[in-house]
Amino acid sequence: MSRKAELIKEMLEMQKKFSADERAGKFNAEDYYIGEGKPYRERYQELASEVREIASKEANFWK
Protein backbone atom coordinates (compact mmCIF):
# COMPACT_ATOMS: atom_id res chain seq x y z
CA MET A 1 0.00 0.00 0.00
CA SER A 2 1.34 3.43 -0.91
CA ARG A 3 2.02 6.06 1.74
CA LYS A 4 -0.85 8.18 0.39
CA ALA A 5 -3.26 5.23 0.61
CA GLU A 6 -2.13 4.54 4.20
CA LEU A 7 -2.73 8.16 5.18
CA ILE A 8 -6.16 8.22 3.55
CA LYS A 9 -7.07 4.95 5.27
CA GLU A 10 -6.10 6.45 8.64
CA MET A 11 -8.11 9.59 7.88
CA LEU A 12 -11.19 7.54 6.99
CA GLU A 13 -10.86 5.52 10.19
CA MET A 14 -10.56 8.75 12.18
CA GLN A 15 -13.68 10.15 10.47
CA LYS A 16 -15.63 7.00 11.25
CA LYS A 17 -14.62 7.09 14.93
CA PHE A 18 -15.31 10.83 15.15
CA SER A 19 -18.80 10.40 13.71
CA ALA A 20 -19.59 7.56 16.12
CA ASP A 21 -18.29 9.54 19.11
CA GLU A 22 -20.26 12.60 18.05
CA ARG A 23 -23.49 10.61 17.68
CA ALA A 24 -22.88 9.04 21.10
CA GLY A 25 -22.56 12.52 22.63
CA LYS A 26 -18.99 11.93 23.84
CA PHE A 27 -18.03 15.55 23.21
CA ASN A 28 -19.43 18.87 22.09
CA ALA A 29 -18.16 21.54 19.69
CA GLU A 30 -16.10 23.25 22.39
CA ASP A 31 -14.33 19.98 23.20
CA TYR A 32 -13.53 19.52 19.52
CA TYR A 33 -11.77 22.87 19.23
CA ILE A 34 -10.13 23.40 22.62
CA GLY A 35 -10.69 20.28 24.68
CA GLU A 36 -10.18 16.57 24.21
CA GLY A 37 -10.83 16.78 20.47
CA LYS A 38 -7.93 19.13 19.81
CA PRO A 39 -5.31 16.35 19.38
CA TYR A 40 -7.71 14.58 16.97
CA ARG A 41 -8.15 17.76 14.92
CA GLU A 42 -4.41 18.44 14.87
CA ARG A 43 -3.55 14.88 13.79
CA TYR A 44 -6.18 14.99 11.06
CA GLN A 45 -4.73 18.26 9.76
CA GLU A 46 -1.24 16.71 9.70
CA LEU A 47 -2.51 13.77 7.67
CA ALA A 48 -4.43 16.01 5.27
CA SER A 49 -1.35 18.19 4.71
CA GLU A 50 0.82 15.18 3.93
CA VAL A 51 -1.76 13.77 1.52
CA ARG A 52 -1.99 17.17 -0.20
CA GLU A 53 1.82 17.30 -0.56
CA ILE A 54 1.97 13.81 -2.06
CA ALA A 55 -0.92 14.51 -4.43
CA SER A 56 0.66 17.79 -5.53
CA LYS A 57 3.91 16.01 -6.38
CA GLU A 58 2.05 13.25 -8.23
CA ALA A 59 0.18 15.85 -10.30
CA ASN A 60 3.36 17.89 -10.75
CA PHE A 61 1.48 20.84 -9.32
CA TRP A 62 3.38 23.78 -7.90
CA LYS A 63 1.52 25.38 -5.01
PDB file of N, CA and C in Angstrom:
ATOM      1  N   MET A   1       0.846  -1.170   0.000  1.00  0.00           N
ATOM      2  CA  MET A   1       0.000   0.000   0.000  1.00  0.00           C
ATOM      3  C   MET A   1       0.898   1.241   0.000  1.00  0.00           C
ATOM      4  N   SER A   2       0.545   2.200  -0.823  1.00  0.00           N
ATOM      5  CA  SER A   2       1.343   3.425  -0.906  1.00  0.00           C
ATOM      6  C   SER A   2       1.163   4.262   0.363  1.00  0.00           C
ATOM      7  N   ARG A   3       2.086   5.159   0.564  1.00  0.00           N
ATOM      8  CA  ARG A   3       2.020   6.057   1.737  1.00  0.00           C
ATOM      9  C   ARG A   3       0.733   6.876   1.706  1.00  0.00           C
ATOM     10  N   LYS A   4       0.367   7.382   0.515  1.00  0.00           N
ATOM     11  CA  LYS A   4      -0.849   8.180   0.394  1.00  0.00           C
ATOM     12  C   LYS A   4      -2.075   7.340   0.765  1.00  0.00           C
ATOM     13  N   ALA A   5      -2.134   6.112   0.300  1.00  0.00           N
ATOM     14  CA  ALA A   5      -3.260   5.229   0.614  1.00  0.00           C
ATOM     15  C   ALA A   5      -3.325   4.946   2.124  1.00  0.00           C
ATOM     16  N   GLU A   6      -2.164   4.762   2.757  1.00  0.00           N
ATOM     17  CA  GLU A   6      -2.131   4.537   4.204  1.00  0.00           C
ATOM     18  C   GLU A   6      -2.678   5.744   4.960  1.00  0.00           C
ATOM     19  N   LEU A   7      -2.271   6.936   4.524  1.00  0.00           N
ATOM     20  CA  LEU A   7      -2.733   8.163   5.178  1.00  0.00           C
ATOM     21  C   LEU A   7      -4.238   8.330   5.009  1.00  0.00           C
ATOM     22  N   ILE A   8      -4.723   8.095   3.806  1.00  0.00           N
ATOM     23  CA  ILE A   8      -6.156   8.224   3.548  1.00  0.00           C
ATOM     24  C   ILE A   8      -6.935   7.199   4.364  1.00  0.00           C
ATOM     25  N   LYS A   9      -6.410   5.990   4.466  1.00  0.00           N
ATOM     26  CA  LYS A   9      -7.070   4.954   5.272  1.00  0.00           C
ATOM     27  C   LYS A   9      -7.172   5.409   6.730  1.00  0.00           C
ATOM     28  N   GLU A  10      -6.080   5.957   7.266  1.00  0.00           N
ATOM     29  CA  GLU A  10      -6.100   6.446   8.641  1.00  0.00           C
ATOM     30  C   GLU A  10      -7.109   7.582   8.800  1.00  0.00           C
ATOM     31  N   MET A  11      -7.152   8.477   7.819  1.00  0.00           N
ATOM     32  CA  MET A  11      -8.105   9.588   7.876  1.00  0.00           C
ATOM     33  C   MET A  11      -9.547   9.074   7.872  1.00  0.00           C
ATOM     34  N   LEU A  12      -9.835   8.093   7.042  1.00  0.00           N
ATOM     35  CA  LEU A  12     -11.190   7.539   6.987  1.00  0.00           C
ATOM     36  C   LEU A  12     -11.567   6.853   8.297  1.00  0.00           C
ATOM     37  N   GLU A  13     -10.612   6.151   8.895  1.00  0.00           N
ATOM     38  CA  GLU A  13     -10.865   5.521  10.189  1.00  0.00           C
ATOM     39  C   GLU A  13     -11.124   6.572  11.268  1.00  0.00           C
ATOM     40  N   MET A  14     -10.360   7.657  11.218  1.00  0.00           N
ATOM     41  CA  MET A  14     -10.563   8.745  12.176  1.00  0.00           C
ATOM     42  C   MET A  14     -11.944   9.375  11.995  1.00  0.00           C
ATOM     43  N   GLN A  15     -12.361   9.571  10.742  1.00  0.00           N
ATOM     44  CA  GLN A  15     -13.678  10.151  10.468  1.00  0.00           C
ATOM     45  C   GLN A  15     -14.787   9.254  10.998  1.00  0.00           C
ATOM     46  N   LYS A  16     -14.626   7.958  10.787  1.00  0.00           N
ATOM     47  CA  LYS A  16     -15.627   6.997  11.249  1.00  0.00           C
ATOM     48  C   LYS A  16     -15.748   7.041  12.769  1.00  0.00           C
ATOM     49  N   LYS A  17     -14.612   7.037  13.470  1.00  0.00           N
ATOM     50  CA  LYS A  17     -14.619   7.088  14.926  1.00  0.00           C
ATOM     51  C   LYS A  17     -15.191   8.418  15.418  1.00  0.00           C
ATOM     52  N   PHE A  18     -14.802   9.517  14.772  1.00  0.00           N
ATOM     53  CA  PHE A  18     -15.307  10.831  15.148  1.00  0.00           C
ATOM     54  C   PHE A  18     -16.827  10.876  15.030  1.00  0.00           C
ATOM     55  N   SER A  19     -17.350  10.387  13.915  1.00  0.00           N
ATOM     56  CA  SER A  19     -18.804  10.397  13.709  1.00  0.00           C
ATOM     57  C   SER A  19     -19.518   9.573  14.767  1.00  0.00           C
ATOM     58  N   ALA A  20     -18.972   8.411  15.097  1.00  0.00           N
ATOM     59  CA  ALA A  20     -19.586   7.557  16.118  1.00  0.00           C
ATOM     60  C   ALA A  20     -19.545   8.233  17.484  1.00  0.00           C
ATOM     61  N   ASP A  21     -18.425   8.841  17.832  1.00  0.00           N
ATOM     62  CA  ASP A  21     -18.295   9.543  19.113  1.00  0.00           C
ATOM     63  C   ASP A  21     -19.246  10.728  19.191  1.00  0.00           C
ATOM     64  N   GLU A  22     -19.375  11.436  18.081  1.00  0.00           N
ATOM     65  CA  GLU A  22     -20.260  12.603  18.053  1.00  0.00           C
ATOM     66  C   GLU A  22     -21.720  12.168  18.247  1.00  0.00           C
ATOM     67  N   ARG A  23     -22.122  11.119  17.541  1.00  0.00           N
ATOM     68  CA  ARG A  23     -23.491  10.609  17.684  1.00  0.00           C
ATOM     69  C   ARG A  23     -23.753  10.119  19.099  1.00  0.00           C
ATOM     70  N   ALA A  24     -22.734   9.572  19.744  1.00  0.00           N
ATOM     71  CA  ALA A  24     -22.879   9.043  21.101  1.00  0.00           C
ATOM     72  C   ALA A  24     -22.838  10.155  22.150  1.00  0.00           C
ATOM     73  N   GLY A  25     -22.588  11.389  21.705  1.00  0.00           N
ATOM     74  CA  GLY A  25     -22.555  12.522  22.629  1.00  0.00           C
ATOM     75  C   GLY A  25     -21.328  12.549  23.518  1.00  0.00           C
ATOM     76  N   LYS A  26     -20.217  11.990  23.031  1.00  0.00           N
ATOM     77  CA  LYS A  26     -18.994  11.928  23.841  1.00  0.00           C
ATOM     78  C   LYS A  26     -18.287  13.271  23.967  1.00  0.00           C
ATOM     79  N   PHE A  27     -18.608  14.228  23.104  1.00  0.00           N
ATOM     80  CA  PHE A  27     -18.028  15.554  23.213  1.00  0.00           C
ATOM     81  C   PHE A  27     -18.916  16.554  22.485  1.00  0.00           C
ATOM     82  N   ASN A  28     -18.685  17.812  22.763  1.00  0.00           N
ATOM     83  CA  ASN A  28     -19.429  18.872  22.088  1.00  0.00           C
ATOM     84  C   ASN A  28     -18.474  19.698  21.233  1.00  0.00           C
ATOM     85  N   ALA A  29     -18.988  20.731  20.588  1.00  0.00           N
ATOM     86  CA  ALA A  29     -18.160  21.540  19.689  1.00  0.00           C
ATOM     87  C   ALA A  29     -16.979  22.179  20.418  1.00  0.00           C
ATOM     88  N   GLU A  30     -17.191  22.630  21.631  1.00  0.00           N
ATOM     89  CA  GLU A  30     -16.101  23.251  22.393  1.00  0.00           C
ATOM     90  C   GLU A  30     -14.975  22.250  22.638  1.00  0.00           C
ATOM     91  N   ASP A  31     -15.340  21.020  23.000  1.00  0.00           N
ATOM     92  CA  ASP A  31     -14.330  19.981  23.205  1.00  0.00           C
ATOM     93  C   ASP A  31     -13.523  19.741  21.933  1.00  0.00           C
ATOM     94  N   TYR A  32     -14.196  19.784  20.795  1.00  0.00           N
ATOM     95  CA  TYR A  32     -13.532  19.522  19.522  1.00  0.00           C
ATOM     96  C   TYR A  32     -12.446  20.554  19.241  1.00  0.00           C
ATOM     97  N   TYR A  33     -12.715  21.802  19.559  1.00  0.00           N
ATOM     98  CA  TYR A  33     -11.770  22.866  19.227  1.00  0.00           C
ATOM     99  C   TYR A  33     -10.739  23.153  20.302  1.00  0.00           C
ATOM    100  N   ILE A  34     -11.097  23.036  21.578  1.00  0.00           N
ATOM    101  CA  ILE A  34     -10.129  23.402  22.615  1.00  0.00           C
ATOM    102  C   ILE A  34      -9.970  22.340  23.699  1.00  0.00           C
ATOM    103  N   GLY A  35     -10.747  21.299  23.647  1.00  0.00           N
ATOM    104  CA  GLY A  35     -10.688  20.277  24.685  1.00  0.00           C
ATOM    105  C   GLY A  35     -10.067  18.993  24.185  1.00  0.00           C
ATOM    106  N   GLU A  36     -10.706  17.894  24.537  1.00  0.00           N
ATOM    107  CA  GLU A  36     -10.185  16.566  24.207  1.00  0.00           C
ATOM    108  C   GLU A  36     -10.074  16.308  22.713  1.00  0.00           C
ATOM    109  N   GLY A  37     -10.866  16.993  21.912  1.00  0.00           N
ATOM    110  CA  GLY A  37     -10.833  16.780  20.473  1.00  0.00           C
ATOM    111  C   GLY A  37      -9.688  17.471  19.760  1.00  0.00           C
ATOM    112  N   LYS A  38      -9.013  18.364  20.447  1.00  0.00           N
ATOM    113  CA  LYS A  38      -7.934  19.127  19.806  1.00  0.00           C
ATOM    114  C   LYS A  38      -6.834  18.231  19.232  1.00  0.00           C
ATOM    115  N   PRO A  39      -6.345  17.228  19.976  1.00  0.00           N
ATOM    116  CA  PRO A  39      -5.314  16.352  19.383  1.00  0.00           C
ATOM    117  C   PRO A  39      -5.822  15.620  18.131  1.00  0.00           C
ATOM    118  N   TYR A  40      -7.110  15.221  18.151  1.00  0.00           N
ATOM    119  CA  TYR A  40      -7.706  14.580  16.974  1.00  0.00           C
ATOM    120  C   TYR A  40      -7.637  15.533  15.793  1.00  0.00           C
ATOM    121  N   ARG A  41      -8.093  16.757  15.989  1.00  0.00           N
ATOM    122  CA  ARG A  41      -8.148  17.757  14.923  1.00  0.00           C
ATOM    123  C   ARG A  41      -6.751  18.049  14.392  1.00  0.00           C
ATOM    124  N   GLU A  42      -5.787  18.171  15.286  1.00  0.00           N
ATOM    125  CA  GLU A  42      -4.411  18.445  14.872  1.00  0.00           C
ATOM    126  C   GLU A  42      -3.818  17.284  14.071  1.00  0.00           C
ATOM    127  N   ARG A  43      -4.064  16.054  14.512  1.00  0.00           N
ATOM    128  CA  ARG A  43      -3.551  14.883  13.790  1.00  0.00           C
ATOM    129  C   ARG A  43      -4.190  14.792  12.412  1.00  0.00           C
ATOM    130  N   TYR A  44      -5.490  15.049  12.340  1.00  0.00           N
ATOM    131  CA  TYR A  44      -6.177  14.986  11.060  1.00  0.00           C
ATOM    132  C   TYR A  44      -5.603  16.032  10.100  1.00  0.00           C
ATOM    133  N   GLN A  45      -5.311  17.211  10.595  1.00  0.00           N
ATOM    134  CA  GLN A  45      -4.728  18.264   9.759  1.00  0.00           C
ATOM    135  C   GLN A  45      -3.343  17.863   9.261  1.00  0.00           C
ATOM    136  N   GLU A  46      -2.559  17.199  10.115  1.00  0.00           N
ATOM    137  CA  GLU A  46      -1.242  16.715   9.697  1.00  0.00           C
ATOM    138  C   GLU A  46      -1.375  15.716   8.548  1.00  0.00           C
ATOM    139  N   LEU A  47      -2.297  14.772   8.704  1.00  0.00           N
ATOM    140  CA  LEU A  47      -2.511  13.766   7.668  1.00  0.00           C
ATOM    141  C   LEU A  47      -2.964  14.418   6.363  1.00  0.00           C
ATOM    142  N   ALA A  48      -3.911  15.341   6.461  1.00  0.00           N
ATOM    143  CA  ALA A  48      -4.431  16.011   5.267  1.00  0.00           C
ATOM    144  C   ALA A  48      -3.325  16.791   4.558  1.00  0.00           C
ATOM    145  N   SER A  49      -2.462  17.436   5.313  1.00  0.00           N
ATOM    146  CA  SER A  49      -1.354  18.190   4.715  1.00  0.00           C
ATOM    147  C   SER A  49      -0.395  17.266   3.977  1.00  0.00           C
ATOM    148  N   GLU A  50      -0.093  16.132   4.581  1.00  0.00           N
ATOM    149  CA  GLU A  50       0.822  15.185   3.934  1.00  0.00           C
ATOM    150  C   GLU A  50       0.202  14.605   2.667  1.00  0.00           C
ATOM    151  N   VAL A  51      -1.081  14.277   2.716  1.00  0.00           N
ATOM    152  CA  VAL A  51      -1.764  13.770   1.522  1.00  0.00           C
ATOM    153  C   VAL A  51      -1.743  14.826   0.424  1.00  0.00           C
ATOM    154  N   ARG A  52      -1.995  16.081   0.779  1.00  0.00           N
ATOM    155  CA  ARG A  52      -1.988  17.167  -0.198  1.00  0.00           C
ATOM    156  C   ARG A  52      -0.607  17.301  -0.840  1.00  0.00           C
ATOM    157  N   GLU A  53       0.456  17.208  -0.032  1.00  0.00           N
ATOM    158  CA  GLU A  53       1.818  17.301  -0.562  1.00  0.00           C
ATOM    159  C   GLU A  53       2.104  16.169  -1.547  1.00  0.00           C
ATOM    160  N   ILE A  54       1.734  14.966  -1.178  1.00  0.00           N
ATOM    161  CA  ILE A  54       1.969  13.806  -2.055  1.00  0.00           C
ATOM    162  C   ILE A  54       1.190  13.968  -3.353  1.00  0.00           C
ATOM    163  N   ALA A  55      -0.080  14.350  -3.234  1.00  0.00           N
ATOM    164  CA  ALA A  55      -0.920  14.506  -4.428  1.00  0.00           C
ATOM    165  C   ALA A  55      -0.396  15.612  -5.329  1.00  0.00           C
ATOM    166  N   SER A  56       0.111  16.691  -4.742  1.00  0.00           N
ATOM    167  CA  SER A  56       0.664  17.787  -5.535  1.00  0.00           C
ATOM    168  C   SER A  56       1.879  17.324  -6.323  1.00  0.00           C
ATOM    169  N   LYS A  57       2.728  16.539  -5.686  1.00  0.00           N
ATOM    170  CA  LYS A  57       3.913  16.014  -6.378  1.00  0.00           C
ATOM    171  C   LYS A  57       3.507  15.057  -7.490  1.00  0.00           C
ATOM    172  N   GLU A  58       2.508  14.206  -7.219  1.00  0.00           N
ATOM    173  CA  GLU A  58       2.045  13.252  -8.235  1.00  0.00           C
ATOM    174  C   GLU A  58       1.470  13.986  -9.451  1.00  0.00           C
ATOM    175  N   ALA A  59       0.800  15.085  -9.215  1.00  0.00           N
ATOM    176  CA  ALA A  59       0.182  15.846 -10.298  1.00  0.00           C
ATOM    177  C   ALA A  59       1.149  16.868 -10.887  1.00  0.00           C
ATOM    178  N   ASN A  60       2.361  16.913 -10.333  1.00  0.00           N
ATOM    179  CA  ASN A  60       3.356  17.887 -10.755  1.00  0.00           C
ATOM    180  C   ASN A  60       2.783  19.301 -10.663  1.00  0.00           C
ATOM    181  N   PHE A  61       2.149  19.561  -9.548  1.00  0.00           N
ATOM    182  CA  PHE A  61       1.475  20.840  -9.318  1.00  0.00           C
ATOM    183  C   PHE A  61       2.304  21.672  -8.364  1.00  0.00           C
ATOM    184  N   TRP A  62       2.618  22.870  -8.763  1.00  0.00           N
ATOM    185  CA  TRP A  62       3.377  23.775  -7.903  1.00  0.00           C
ATOM    186  C   TRP A  62       2.396  24.653  -7.165  1.00  0.00           C
ATOM    187  N   LYS A  63       2.462  24.614  -5.821  1.00  0.00           N
ATOM    188  CA  LYS A  63       1.520  25.377  -5.008  1.00  0.00           C
ATOM    189  C   LYS A  63       1.837  26.843  -5.041  1.00  0.00           C
TER     190      LYS A  63
END
